[in-house]
Amino acid sequence: MSTSMATGVLDIPAPGSRRAPEFDSRNPEELKEFLEEFEELAERYGLTTKEKTKMVVKYVDKETKKFWKRLEGYGDDYVMLKRKIMGTYSKTLLEDKPTVAELVKLVKKSGEH
């Protein structure tokens, strides 16, 4: 019996492929979006929490992968691993930053006084 929906680790997009999420540690402000994309992918392919912990590190650079693999939750508990990953990055880097347009507006407004 065949199914139209691919499921499991073997079917998930390969790192670097067009449909794969990517995280570049030089841009930590993109971490939240990366994790959201990864979680959508993991849900679509029916990954277990253990599979998620092993797969999420495949979509990051080599140094980040080594670091994340040492965090509590790796290989075991995705929720814990995600919490530890998020906690390792500066809160200010993960918050939404103002756009250039918002900054220009703020500067113009401050010059009116």
PDB file of N, CA and C in Angstrom:
ATOM      1  N   MET A   1       0.844  -1.185   0.000  1.00  0.00           N
ATOM      2  CA  MET A   1       0.000   0.000   0.000  1.00  0.00           C
ATOM      3  C   MET A   1       0.882   1.240   0.000  1.00  0.00           C
ATOM      4  N   SER A   2       0.651   2.146  -0.932  1.00  0.00           N
ATOM      5  CA  SER A   2       1.454   3.361  -0.983  1.00  0.00           C
ATOM      6  C   SER A   2       0.667   4.520  -0.402  1.00  0.00           C
ATOM      7  N   THR A   3       1.392   5.504   0.034  1.00  0.00           N
ATOM      8  CA  THR A   3       0.757   6.692   0.607  1.00  0.00           C
ATOM      9  C   THR A   3       1.275   7.915  -0.136  1.00  0.00           C
ATOM     10  N   SER A   4       0.453   8.914  -0.282  1.00  0.00           N
ATOM     11  CA  SER A   4       0.858  10.099  -1.033  1.00  0.00           C
ATOM     12  C   SER A   4       1.702  11.047  -0.190  1.00  0.00           C
ATOM     13  N   MET A   5       1.692  10.875   1.121  1.00  0.00           N
ATOM     14  CA  MET A   5       2.463  11.764   1.983  1.00  0.00           C
ATOM     15  C   MET A   5       3.735  11.063   2.463  1.00  0.00           C
ATOM     16  N   ALA A   6       4.876  11.691   2.182  1.00  0.00           N
ATOM     17  CA  ALA A   6       6.150  11.128   2.630  1.00  0.00           C
ATOM     18  C   ALA A   6       6.299  11.363   4.117  1.00  0.00           C
ATOM     19  N   THR A   7       6.803  10.352   4.824  1.00  0.00           N
ATOM     20  CA  THR A   7       7.000  10.517   6.256  1.00  0.00           C
ATOM     21  C   THR A   7       8.309   9.887   6.687  1.00  0.00           C
ATOM     22  N   GLY A   8       8.861  10.445   7.732  1.00  0.00           N
ATOM     23  CA  GLY A   8      10.045   9.871   8.338  1.00  0.00           C
ATOM     24  C   GLY A   8      11.336  10.552   7.949  1.00  0.00           C
ATOM     25  N   VAL A   9      12.370  10.168   8.667  1.00  0.00           N
ATOM     26  CA  VAL A   9      13.697  10.760   8.508  1.00  0.00           C
ATOM     27  C   VAL A   9      14.244  10.554   7.103  1.00  0.00           C
ATOM     28  N   LEU A  10      13.987   9.408   6.503  1.00  0.00           N
ATOM     29  CA  LEU A  10      14.537   9.115   5.182  1.00  0.00           C
ATOM     30  C   LEU A  10      13.961  10.001   4.082  1.00  0.00           C
ATOM     31  N   ASP A  11      12.757  10.510   4.283  1.00  0.00           N
ATOM     32  CA  ASP A  11      12.092  11.320   3.269  1.00  0.00           C
ATOM     33  C   ASP A  11      12.289  12.820   3.440  1.00  0.00           C
ATOM     34  N   ILE A  12      12.763  13.255   4.577  1.00  0.00           N
ATOM     35  CA  ILE A  12      12.912  14.680   4.873  1.00  0.00           C
ATOM     36  C   ILE A  12      13.958  15.294   3.925  1.00  0.00           C
ATOM     37  N   PRO A  13      13.765  16.549   3.483  1.00  0.00           N
ATOM     38  CA  PRO A  13      14.721  17.168   2.559  1.00  0.00           C
ATOM     39  C   PRO A  13      16.155  17.164   3.103  1.00  0.00           C
ATOM     40  N   ALA A  14      17.085  16.886   2.229  1.00  0.00           N
ATOM     41  CA  ALA A  14      18.501  16.849   2.610  1.00  0.00           C
ATOM     42  C   ALA A  14      19.011  18.253   2.907  1.00  0.00           C
ATOM     43  N   PRO A  15      19.936  18.365   3.861  1.00  0.00           N
ATOM     44  CA  PRO A  15      20.545  19.675   4.143  1.00  0.00           C
ATOM     45  C   PRO A  15      21.131  20.263   2.861  1.00  0.00           C
ATOM     46  N   GLY A  16      20.904  21.546   2.663  1.00  0.00           N
ATOM     47  CA  GLY A  16      21.414  22.224   1.475  1.00  0.00           C
ATOM     48  C   GLY A  16      20.483  22.135   0.278  1.00  0.00           C
ATOM     49  N   SER A  17      19.445  21.302   0.366  1.00  0.00           N
ATOM     50  CA  SER A  17      18.507  21.215  -0.753  1.00  0.00           C
ATOM     51  C   SER A  17      17.562  22.410  -0.722  1.00  0.00           C
ATOM     52  N   ARG A  18      16.869  22.592  -1.806  1.00  0.00           N
ATOM     53  CA  ARG A  18      16.007  23.763  -1.976  1.00  0.00           C
ATOM     54  C   ARG A  18      14.933  23.883  -0.891  1.00  0.00           C
ATOM     55  N   ARG A  19      14.378  22.779  -0.442  1.00  0.00           N
ATOM     56  CA  ARG A  19      13.286  22.825   0.535  1.00  0.00           C
ATOM     57  C   ARG A  19      13.757  22.714   1.981  1.00  0.00           C
ATOM     58  N   ALA A  20      15.041  22.637   2.194  1.00  0.00           N
ATOM     59  CA  ALA A  20      15.574  22.454   3.548  1.00  0.00           C
ATOM     60  C   ALA A  20      15.756  23.799   4.262  1.00  0.00           C
ATOM     61  N   PRO A  21      15.434  23.840   5.556  1.00  0.00           N
ATOM     62  CA  PRO A  21      15.709  25.061   6.322  1.00  0.00           C
ATOM     63  C   PRO A  21      17.221  25.189   6.530  1.00  0.00           C
ATOM     64  N   GLU A  22      17.683  26.415   6.732  1.00  0.00           N
ATOM     65  CA  GLU A  22      19.113  26.638   6.968  1.00  0.00           C
ATOM     66  C   GLU A  22      19.284  27.629   8.100  1.00  0.00           C
ATOM     67  N   PHE A  23      20.310  27.409   8.914  1.00  0.00           N
ATOM     68  CA  PHE A  23      20.649  28.379   9.955  1.00  0.00           C
ATOM     69  C   PHE A  23      22.127  28.681   9.856  1.00  0.00           C
ATOM     70  N   ASP A  24      22.433  29.958   9.738  1.00  0.00           N
ATOM     71  CA  ASP A  24      23.811  30.427   9.695  1.00  0.00           C
ATOM     72  C   ASP A  24      24.086  31.114  11.029  1.00  0.00           C
ATOM     73  N   SER A  25      25.010  30.558  11.801  1.00  0.00           N
ATOM     74  CA  SER A  25      25.281  31.093  13.141  1.00  0.00           C
ATOM     75  C   SER A  25      25.799  32.533  13.105  1.00  0.00           C
ATOM     76  N   ARG A  26      26.216  33.006  11.938  1.00  0.00           N
ATOM     77  CA  ARG A  26      26.638  34.411  11.822  1.00  0.00           C
ATOM     78  C   ARG A  26      25.439  35.352  11.817  1.00  0.00           C
ATOM     79  N   ASN A  27      24.240  34.776  11.683  1.00  0.00           N
ATOM     80  CA  ASN A  27      22.999  35.559  11.702  1.00  0.00           C
ATOM     81  C   ASN A  27      22.045  34.998  12.751  1.00  0.00           C
ATOM     82  N   PRO A  28      22.417  35.101  14.033  1.00  0.00           N
ATOM     83  CA  PRO A  28      21.600  34.490  15.088  1.00  0.00           C
ATOM     84  C   PRO A  28      20.186  35.052  15.177  1.00  0.00           C
ATOM     85  N   GLU A  29      19.969  36.251  14.632  1.00  0.00           N
ATOM     86  CA  GLU A  29      18.621  36.814  14.666  1.00  0.00           C
ATOM     87  C   GLU A  29      17.647  35.993  13.817  1.00  0.00           C
ATOM     88  N   GLU A  30      18.160  35.102  12.982  1.00  0.00           N
ATOM     89  CA  GLU A  30      17.317  34.245  12.149  1.00  0.00           C
ATOM     90  C   GLU A  30      16.988  32.901  12.824  1.00  0.00           C
ATOM     91  N   LEU A  31      17.465  32.701  14.045  1.00  0.00           N
ATOM     92  CA  LEU A  31      17.272  31.428  14.731  1.00  0.00           C
ATOM     93  C   LEU A  31      15.798  31.077  14.908  1.00  0.00           C
ATOM     94  N   LYS A  32      15.015  32.026  15.366  1.00  0.00           N
ATOM     95  CA  LYS A  32      13.600  31.760  15.630  1.00  0.00           C
ATOM     96  C   LYS A  32      12.893  31.304  14.346  1.00  0.00           C
ATOM     97  N   GLU A  33      13.134  31.992  13.260  1.00  0.00           N
ATOM     98  CA  GLU A  33      12.514  31.632  11.981  1.00  0.00           C
ATOM     99  C   GLU A  33      12.998  30.253  11.514  1.00  0.00           C
ATOM    100  N   PHE A  34      14.289  29.988  11.676  1.00  0.00           N
ATOM    101  CA  PHE A  34      14.837  28.685  11.312  1.00  0.00           C
ATOM    102  C   PHE A  34      14.138  27.565  12.087  1.00  0.00           C
ATOM    103  N   LEU A  35      14.002  27.732  13.394  1.00  0.00           N
ATOM    104  CA  LEU A  35      13.376  26.695  14.211  1.00  0.00           C
ATOM    105  C   LEU A  35      11.909  26.496  13.825  1.00  0.00           C
ATOM    106  N   GLU A  36      11.216  27.585  13.502  1.00  0.00           N
ATOM    107  CA  GLU A  36       9.822  27.464  13.066  1.00  0.00           C
ATOM    108  C   GLU A  36       9.737  26.671  11.761  1.00  0.00           C
ATOM    109  N   GLU A  37      10.622  26.975  10.818  1.00  0.00           N
ATOM    110  CA  GLU A  37      10.644  26.247   9.540  1.00  0.00           C
ATOM    111  C   GLU A  37      10.975  24.776   9.770  1.00  0.00           C
ATOM    112  N   PHE A  38      11.956  24.521  10.629  1.00  0.00           N
ATOM    113  CA  PHE A  38      12.330  23.138  10.907  1.00  0.00           C
ATOM    114  C   PHE A  38      11.165  22.379  11.536  1.00  0.00           C
ATOM    115  N   GLU A  39      10.481  23.000  12.483  1.00  0.00           N
ATOM    116  CA  GLU A  39       9.372  22.336  13.168  1.00  0.00           C
ATOM    117  C   GLU A  39       8.221  22.033  12.211  1.00  0.00           C
ATOM    118  N   GLU A  40       7.953  22.940  11.271  1.00  0.00           N
ATOM    119  CA  GLU A  40       6.924  22.677  10.263  1.00  0.00           C
ATOM    120  C   GLU A  40       7.323  21.467   9.417  1.00  0.00           C
ATOM    121  N   LEU A  41       8.570  21.431   9.025  1.00  0.00           N
ATOM    122  CA  LEU A  41       9.088  20.312   8.236  1.00  0.00           C
ATOM    123  C   LEU A  41       9.004  19.009   9.026  1.00  0.00           C
ATOM    124  N   ALA A  42       9.431  19.044  10.281  1.00  0.00           N
ATOM    125  CA  ALA A  42       9.414  17.856  11.135  1.00  0.00           C
ATOM    126  C   ALA A  42       7.990  17.339  11.319  1.00  0.00           C
ATOM    127  N   GLU A  43       7.050  18.255  11.460  1.00  0.00           N
ATOM    128  CA  GLU A  43       5.648  17.854  11.614  1.00  0.00           C
ATOM    129  C   GLU A  43       5.133  17.226  10.320  1.00  0.00           C
ATOM    130  N   ARG A  44       5.467  17.847   9.200  1.00  0.00           N
ATOM    131  CA  ARG A  44       5.024  17.337   7.899  1.00  0.00           C
ATOM    132  C   ARG A  44       5.521  15.910   7.654  1.00  0.00           C
ATOM    133  N   TYR A  45       6.727  15.609   8.141  1.00  0.00           N
ATOM    134  CA  TYR A  45       7.313  14.294   7.920  1.00  0.00           C
ATOM    135  C   TYR A  45       7.138  13.348   9.110  1.00  0.00           C
ATOM    136  N   GLY A  46       6.401  13.798  10.106  1.00  0.00           N
ATOM    137  CA  GLY A  46       6.040  12.937  11.231  1.00  0.00           C
ATOM    138  C   GLY A  46       7.209  12.497  12.101  1.00  0.00           C
ATOM    139  N   LEU A  47       8.188  13.394  12.307  1.00  0.00           N
ATOM    140  CA  LEU A  47       9.345  13.031  13.123  1.00  0.00           C
ATOM    141  C   LEU A  47       8.976  12.971  14.601  1.00  0.00           C
ATOM    142  N   THR A  48       9.585  12.034  15.300  1.00  0.00           N
ATOM    143  CA  THR A  48       9.407  11.938  16.746  1.00  0.00           C
ATOM    144  C   THR A  48      10.284  13.000  17.403  1.00  0.00           C
ATOM    145  N   THR A  49      10.103  13.206  18.707  1.00  0.00           N
ATOM    146  CA  THR A  49      10.919  14.192  19.418  1.00  0.00           C
ATOM    147  C   THR A  49      12.405  13.821  19.357  1.00  0.00           C
ATOM    148  N   LYS A  50      12.717  12.534  19.451  1.00  0.00           N
ATOM    149  CA  LYS A  50      14.122  12.103  19.359  1.00  0.00           C
ATOM    150  C   LYS A  50      14.674  12.351  17.964  1.00  0.00           C
ATOM    151  N   GLU A  51      13.883  12.053  16.939  1.00  0.00           N
ATOM    152  CA  GLU A  51      14.328  12.294  15.560  1.00  0.00           C
ATOM    153  C   GLU A  51      14.554  13.781  15.309  1.00  0.00           C
ATOM    154  N   LYS A  52      13.698  14.615  15.871  1.00  0.00           N
ATOM    155  CA  LYS A  52      13.858  16.068  15.718  1.00  0.00           C
ATOM    156  C   LYS A  52      15.203  16.524  16.274  1.00  0.00           C
ATOM    157  N   THR A  53      15.584  16.007  17.441  1.00  0.00           N
ATOM    158  CA  THR A  53      16.845  16.440  18.059  1.00  0.00           C
ATOM    159  C   THR A  53      18.033  16.059  17.190  1.00  0.00           C
ATOM    160  N   LYS A  54      17.942  14.922  16.525  1.00  0.00           N
ATOM    161  CA  LYS A  54      19.052  14.462  15.675  1.00  0.00           C
ATOM    162  C   LYS A  54      19.063  15.186  14.332  1.00  0.00           C
ATOM    163  N   MET A  55      17.876  15.536  13.828  1.00  0.00           N
ATOM    164  CA  MET A  55      17.784  16.166  12.509  1.00  0.00           C
ATOM    165  C   MET A  55      18.062  17.660  12.529  1.00  0.00           C
ATOM    166  N   VAL A  56      17.665  18.365  13.585  1.00  0.00           N
ATOM    167  CA  VAL A  56      17.821  19.819  13.599  1.00  0.00           C
ATOM    168  C   VAL A  56      19.291  20.222  13.431  1.00  0.00           C
ATOM    169  N   VAL A  57      20.197  19.436  13.961  1.00  0.00           N
ATOM    170  CA  VAL A  57      21.621  19.778  13.866  1.00  0.00           C
ATOM    171  C   VAL A  57      22.183  19.549  12.464  1.00  0.00           C
ATOM    172  N   LYS A  58      21.465  18.837  11.625  1.00  0.00           N
ATOM    173  CA  LYS A  58      21.928  18.587  10.257  1.00  0.00           C
ATOM    174  C   LYS A  58      21.770  19.819   9.368  1.00  0.00           C
ATOM    175  N   TYR A  59      20.986  20.791   9.802  1.00  0.00           N
ATOM    176  CA  TYR A  59      20.714  21.982   9.001  1.00  0.00           C
ATOM    177  C   TYR A  59      21.501  23.211   9.470  1.00  0.00           C
ATOM    178  N   VAL A  60      22.546  22.979  10.251  1.00  0.00           N
ATOM    179  CA  VAL A  60      23.384  24.082  10.743  1.00  0.00           C
ATOM    180  C   VAL A  60      24.835  23.820  10.354  1.00  0.00           C
ATOM    181  N   ASP A  61      25.677  24.835  10.502  1.00  0.00           N
ATOM    182  CA  ASP A  61      27.089  24.676  10.159  1.00  0.00           C
ATOM    183  C   ASP A  61      27.790  23.737  11.146  1.00  0.00           C
ATOM    184  N   LYS A  62      28.968  23.307  10.771  1.00  0.00           N
ATOM    185  CA  LYS A  62      29.714  22.284  11.513  1.00  0.00           C
ATOM    186  C   LYS A  62      29.973  22.660  12.976  1.00  0.00           C
ATOM    187  N   GLU A  63      30.415  23.883  13.217  1.00  0.00           N
ATOM    188  CA  GLU A  63      30.707  24.318  14.589  1.00  0.00           C
ATOM    189  C   GLU A  63      29.444  24.377  15.439  1.00  0.00           C
ATOM    190  N   THR A  64      28.366  24.902  14.856  1.00  0.00           N
ATOM    191  CA  THR A  64      27.096  24.986  15.569  1.00  0.00           C
ATOM    192  C   THR A  64      26.598  23.587  15.884  1.00  0.00           C
ATOM    193  N   LYS A  65      26.737  22.678  14.937  1.00  0.00           N
ATOM    194  CA  LYS A  65      26.316  21.291  15.133  1.00  0.00           C
ATOM    195  C   LYS A  65      27.038  20.680  16.330  1.00  0.00           C
ATOM    196  N   LYS A  66      28.359  20.859  16.406  1.00  0.00           N
ATOM    197  CA  LYS A  66      29.130  20.307  17.532  1.00  0.00           C
ATOM    198  C   LYS A  66      28.650  20.889  18.856  1.00  0.00           C
ATOM    199  N   PHE A  67      28.370  22.183  18.855  1.00  0.00           N
ATOM    200  CA  PHE A  67      27.921  22.858  20.070  1.00  0.00           C
ATOM    201  C   PHE A  67      26.525  22.373  20.482  1.00  0.00           C
ATOM    202  N   TRP A  68      25.579  22.363  19.545  1.00  0.00           N
ATOM    203  CA  TRP A  68      24.208  21.963  19.864  1.00  0.00           C
ATOM    204  C   TRP A  68      24.154  20.518  20.333  1.00  0.00           C
ATOM    205  N   LYS A  69      25.020  19.661  19.810  1.00  0.00           N
ATOM    206  CA  LYS A  69      25.009  18.252  20.206  1.00  0.00           C
ATOM    207  C   LYS A  69      25.415  18.060  21.669  1.00  0.00           C
ATOM    208  N   ARG A  70      26.065  19.058  22.246  1.00  0.00           N
ATOM    209  CA  ARG A  70      26.472  18.979  23.657  1.00  0.00           C
ATOM    210  C   ARG A  70      25.414  19.534  24.605  1.00  0.00           C
ATOM    211  N   LEU A  71      24.368  20.132  24.055  1.00  0.00           N
ATOM    212  CA  LEU A  71      23.334  20.730  24.900  1.00  0.00           C
ATOM    213  C   LEU A  71      22.387  19.680  25.462  1.00  0.00           C
ATOM    214  N   GLU A  72      21.842  19.993  26.630  1.00  0.00           N
ATOM    215  CA  GLU A  72      20.872  19.107  27.263  1.00  0.00           C
ATOM    216  C   GLU A  72      19.662  18.936  26.347  1.00  0.00           C
ATOM    217  N   GLY A  73      19.226  17.717  26.181  1.00  0.00           N
ATOM    218  CA  GLY A  73      18.079  17.423  25.341  1.00  0.00           C
ATOM    219  C   GLY A  73      18.465  16.783  24.019  1.00  0.00           C
ATOM    220  N   TYR A  74      19.720  16.971  23.578  1.00  0.00           N
ATOM    221  CA  TYR A  74      20.123  16.396  22.296  1.00  0.00           C
ATOM    222  C   TYR A  74      19.980  14.874  22.321  1.00  0.00           C
ATOM    223  N   GLY A  75      19.391  14.331  21.272  1.00  0.00           N
ATOM    224  CA  GLY A  75      19.224  12.893  21.145  1.00  0.00           C
ATOM    225  C   GLY A  75      18.056  12.332  21.925  1.00  0.00           C
ATOM    226  N   ASP A  76      17.296  13.219  22.553  1.00  0.00           N
ATOM    227  CA  ASP A  76      16.335  12.769  23.533  1.00  0.00           C
ATOM    228  C   ASP A  76      15.034  13.581  23.556  1.00  0.00           C
ATOM    229  N   ASP A  77      15.170  14.894  23.827  1.00  0.00           N
ATOM    230  CA  ASP A  77      14.004  15.733  24.118  1.00  0.00           C
ATOM    231  C   ASP A  77      14.109  17.044  23.335  1.00  0.00           C
ATOM    232  N   TYR A  78      13.337  17.151  22.247  1.00  0.00           N
ATOM    233  CA  TYR A  78      13.424  18.336  21.388  1.00  0.00           C
ATOM    234  C   TYR A  78      13.026  19.619  22.119  1.00  0.00           C
ATOM    235  N   VAL A  79      11.995  19.556  22.938  1.00  0.00           N
ATOM    236  CA  VAL A  79      11.548  20.759  23.655  1.00  0.00           C
ATOM    237  C   VAL A  79      12.677  21.295  24.540  1.00  0.00           C
ATOM    238  N   MET A  80      13.356  20.403  25.254  1.00  0.00           N
ATOM    239  CA  MET A  80      14.481  20.808  26.103  1.00  0.00           C
ATOM    240  C   MET A  80      15.626  21.345  25.249  1.00  0.00           C
ATOM    241  N   LEU A  81      15.950  20.652  24.172  1.00  0.00           N
ATOM    242  CA  LEU A  81      17.034  21.091  23.298  1.00  0.00           C
ATOM    243  C   LEU A  81      16.739  22.473  22.735  1.00  0.00           C
ATOM    244  N   LYS A  82      15.525  22.683  22.261  1.00  0.00           N
ATOM    245  CA  LYS A  82      15.150  23.990  21.712  1.00  0.00           C
ATOM    246  C   LYS A  82      15.301  25.074  22.770  1.00  0.00           C
ATOM    247  N   ARG A  83      14.854  24.800  23.984  1.00  0.00           N
ATOM    248  CA  ARG A  83      14.966  25.769  25.078  1.00  0.00           C
ATOM    249  C   ARG A  83      16.440  26.116  25.329  1.00  0.00           C
ATOM    250  N   LYS A  84      17.298  25.097  25.323  1.00  0.00           N
ATOM    251  CA  LYS A  84      18.730  25.319  25.553  1.00  0.00           C
ATOM    252  C   LYS A  84      19.354  26.097  24.399  1.00  0.00           C
ATOM    253  N   ILE A  85      18.967  25.761  23.168  1.00  0.00           N
ATOM    254  CA  ILE A  85      19.484  26.484  21.997  1.00  0.00           C
ATOM    255  C   ILE A  85      19.098  27.956  22.097  1.00  0.00           C
ATOM    256  N   MET A  86      17.816  28.211  22.329  1.00  0.00           N
ATOM    257  CA  MET A  86      17.333  29.593  22.419  1.00  0.00           C
ATOM    258  C   MET A  86      18.041  30.347  23.550  1.00  0.00           C
ATOM    259  N   GLY A  87      18.291  29.645  24.647  1.00  0.00           N
ATOM    260  CA  GLY A  87      18.934  30.276  25.795  1.00  0.00           C
ATOM    261  C   GLY A  87      20.390  30.616  25.575  1.00  0.00           C
ATOM    262  N   THR A  88      21.023  29.980  24.600  1.00  0.00           N
ATOM    263  CA  THR A  88      22.449  30.243  24.358  1.00  0.00           C
ATOM    264  C   THR A  88      22.685  31.488  23.524  1.00  0.00           C
ATOM    265  N   TYR A  89      21.637  31.980  22.895  1.00  0.00           N
ATOM    266  CA  TYR A  89      21.790  33.180  22.062  1.00  0.00           C
ATOM    267  C   TYR A  89      21.269  34.388  22.815  1.00  0.00           C
ATOM    268  N   SER A  90      21.934  35.485  22.642  1.00  0.00           N
ATOM    269  CA  SER A  90      21.570  36.719  23.325  1.00  0.00           C
ATOM    270  C   SER A  90      20.120  37.097  23.020  1.00  0.00           C
ATOM    271  N   LYS A  91      19.400  37.461  24.058  1.00  0.00           N
ATOM    272  CA  LYS A  91      18.000  37.845  23.895  1.00  0.00           C
ATOM    273  C   LYS A  91      17.860  38.984  22.891  1.00  0.00           C
ATOM    274  N   THR A  92      18.782  39.913  22.904  1.00  0.00           N
ATOM    275  CA  THR A  92      18.684  41.051  21.989  1.00  0.00           C
ATOM    276  C   THR A  92      18.831  40.623  20.541  1.00  0.00           C
ATOM    277  N   LEU A  93      19.596  39.568  20.279  1.00  0.00           N
ATOM    278  CA  LEU A  93      19.758  39.108  18.901  1.00  0.00           C
ATOM    279  C   LEU A  93      18.514  38.415  18.381  1.00  0.00           C
ATOM    280  N   LEU A  94      17.710  37.866  19.274  1.00  0.00           N
ATOM    281  CA  LEU A  94      16.535  37.126  18.858  1.00  0.00           C
ATOM    282  C   LEU A  94      15.276  37.988  18.774  1.00  0.00           C
ATOM    283  N   GLU A  95      15.334  39.177  19.347  1.00  0.00           N
ATOM    284  CA  GLU A  95      14.173  40.055  19.301  1.00  0.00           C
ATOM    285  C   GLU A  95      14.067  40.685  17.924  1.00  0.00           C
ATOM    286  N   ASP A  96      12.859  41.079  17.570  1.00  0.00           N
ATOM    287  CA  ASP A  96      12.665  41.757  16.301  1.00  0.00           C
ATOM    288  C   ASP A  96      13.376  43.102  16.344  1.00  0.00           C
ATOM    289  N   LYS A  97      14.150  43.375  15.309  1.00  0.00           N
ATOM    290  CA  LYS A  97      14.876  44.636  15.233  1.00  0.00           C
ATOM    291  C   LYS A  97      14.060  45.618  14.413  1.00  0.00           C
ATOM    292  N   PRO A  98      14.196  46.916  14.715  1.00  0.00           N
ATOM    293  CA  PRO A  98      13.444  47.896  13.930  1.00  0.00           C
ATOM    294  C   PRO A  98      13.956  47.917  12.489  1.00  0.00           C
ATOM    295  N   THR A  99      13.061  48.237  11.579  1.00  0.00           N
ATOM    296  CA  THR A  99      13.445  48.353  10.178  1.00  0.00           C
ATOM    297  C   THR A  99      14.121  49.701   9.958  1.00  0.00           C
ATOM    298  N   VAL A 100      14.769  49.856   8.825  1.00  0.00           N
ATOM    299  CA  VAL A 100      15.413  51.128   8.484  1.00  0.00           C
ATOM    300  C   VAL A 100      14.356  52.225   8.431  1.00  0.00           C
ATOM    301  N   ALA A 101      13.204  51.922   7.851  1.00  0.00           N
ATOM    302  CA  ALA A 101      12.119  52.906   7.756  1.00  0.00           C
ATOM    303  C   ALA A 101      11.667  53.363   9.148  1.00  0.00           C
ATOM    304  N   GLU A 102      11.577  52.417  10.084  1.00  0.00           N
ATOM    305  CA  GLU A 102      11.182  52.777  11.447  1.00  0.00           C
ATOM    306  C   GLU A 102      12.236  53.652  12.115  1.00  0.00           C
ATOM    307  N   LEU A 103      13.507  53.361  11.859  1.00  0.00           N
ATOM    308  CA  LEU A 103      14.587  54.175  12.423  1.00  0.00           C
ATOM    309  C   LEU A 103      14.583  55.580  11.829  1.00  0.00           C
ATOM    310  N   VAL A 104      14.382  55.703  10.529  1.00  0.00           N
ATOM    311  CA  VAL A 104      14.329  57.013   9.869  1.00  0.00           C
ATOM    312  C   VAL A 104      13.180  57.829  10.447  1.00  0.00           C
ATOM    313  N   LYS A 105      12.040  57.196  10.619  1.00  0.00           N
ATOM    314  CA  LYS A 105      10.864  57.867  11.188  1.00  0.00           C
ATOM    315  C   LYS A 105      11.173  58.360  12.607  1.00  0.00           C
ATOM    316  N   LEU A 106      11.836  57.537  13.384  1.00  0.00           N
ATOM    317  CA  LEU A 106      12.191  57.899  14.753  1.00  0.00           C
ATOM    318  C   LEU A 106      13.153  59.084  14.777  1.00  0.00           C
ATOM    319  N   VAL A 107      14.145  59.058  13.898  1.00  0.00           N
ATOM    320  CA  VAL A 107      15.125  60.151  13.827  1.00  0.00           C
ATOM    321  C   VAL A 107      14.443  61.442  13.409  1.00  0.00           C
ATOM    322  N   LYS A 108      13.578  61.388  12.404  1.00  0.00           N
ATOM    323  CA  LYS A 108      12.841  62.579  11.941  1.00  0.00           C
ATOM    324  C   LYS A 108      11.991  63.133  13.063  1.00  0.00           C
ATOM    325  N   LYS A 109      11.323  62.244  13.781  1.00  0.00           N
ATOM    326  CA  LYS A 109      10.438  62.659  14.870  1.00  0.00           C
ATOM    327  C   LYS A 109      11.246  63.329  15.984  1.00  0.00           C
ATOM    328  N   SER A 110      12.420  62.808  16.285  1.00  0.00           N
ATOM    329  CA  SER A 110      13.236  63.384  17.358  1.00  0.00           C
ATOM    330  C   SER A 110      13.787  64.753  16.952  1.00  0.00           C
ATOM    331  N   GLY A 111      13.915  65.022  15.649  1.00  0.00           N
ATOM    332  CA  GLY A 111      14.412  66.303  15.181  1.00  0.00           C
ATOM    333  C   GLY A 111      13.352  67.383  15.161  1.00  0.00           C
ATOM    334  N   GLU A 112      12.101  67.011  15.351  1.00  0.00           N
ATOM    335  CA  GLU A 112      11.005  67.971  15.331  1.00  0.00           C
ATOM    336  C   GLU A 112      10.907  68.788  16.610  1.00  0.00           C
ATOM    337  N   HIS A 113      11.540  68.326  17.665  1.00  0.00           N
ATOM    338  CA  HIS A 113      11.402  68.990  18.979  1.00  0.00           C
ATOM    339  C   HIS A 113      12.342  70.125  19.129  1.00  0.00           C
TER     340      HIS A 113
END
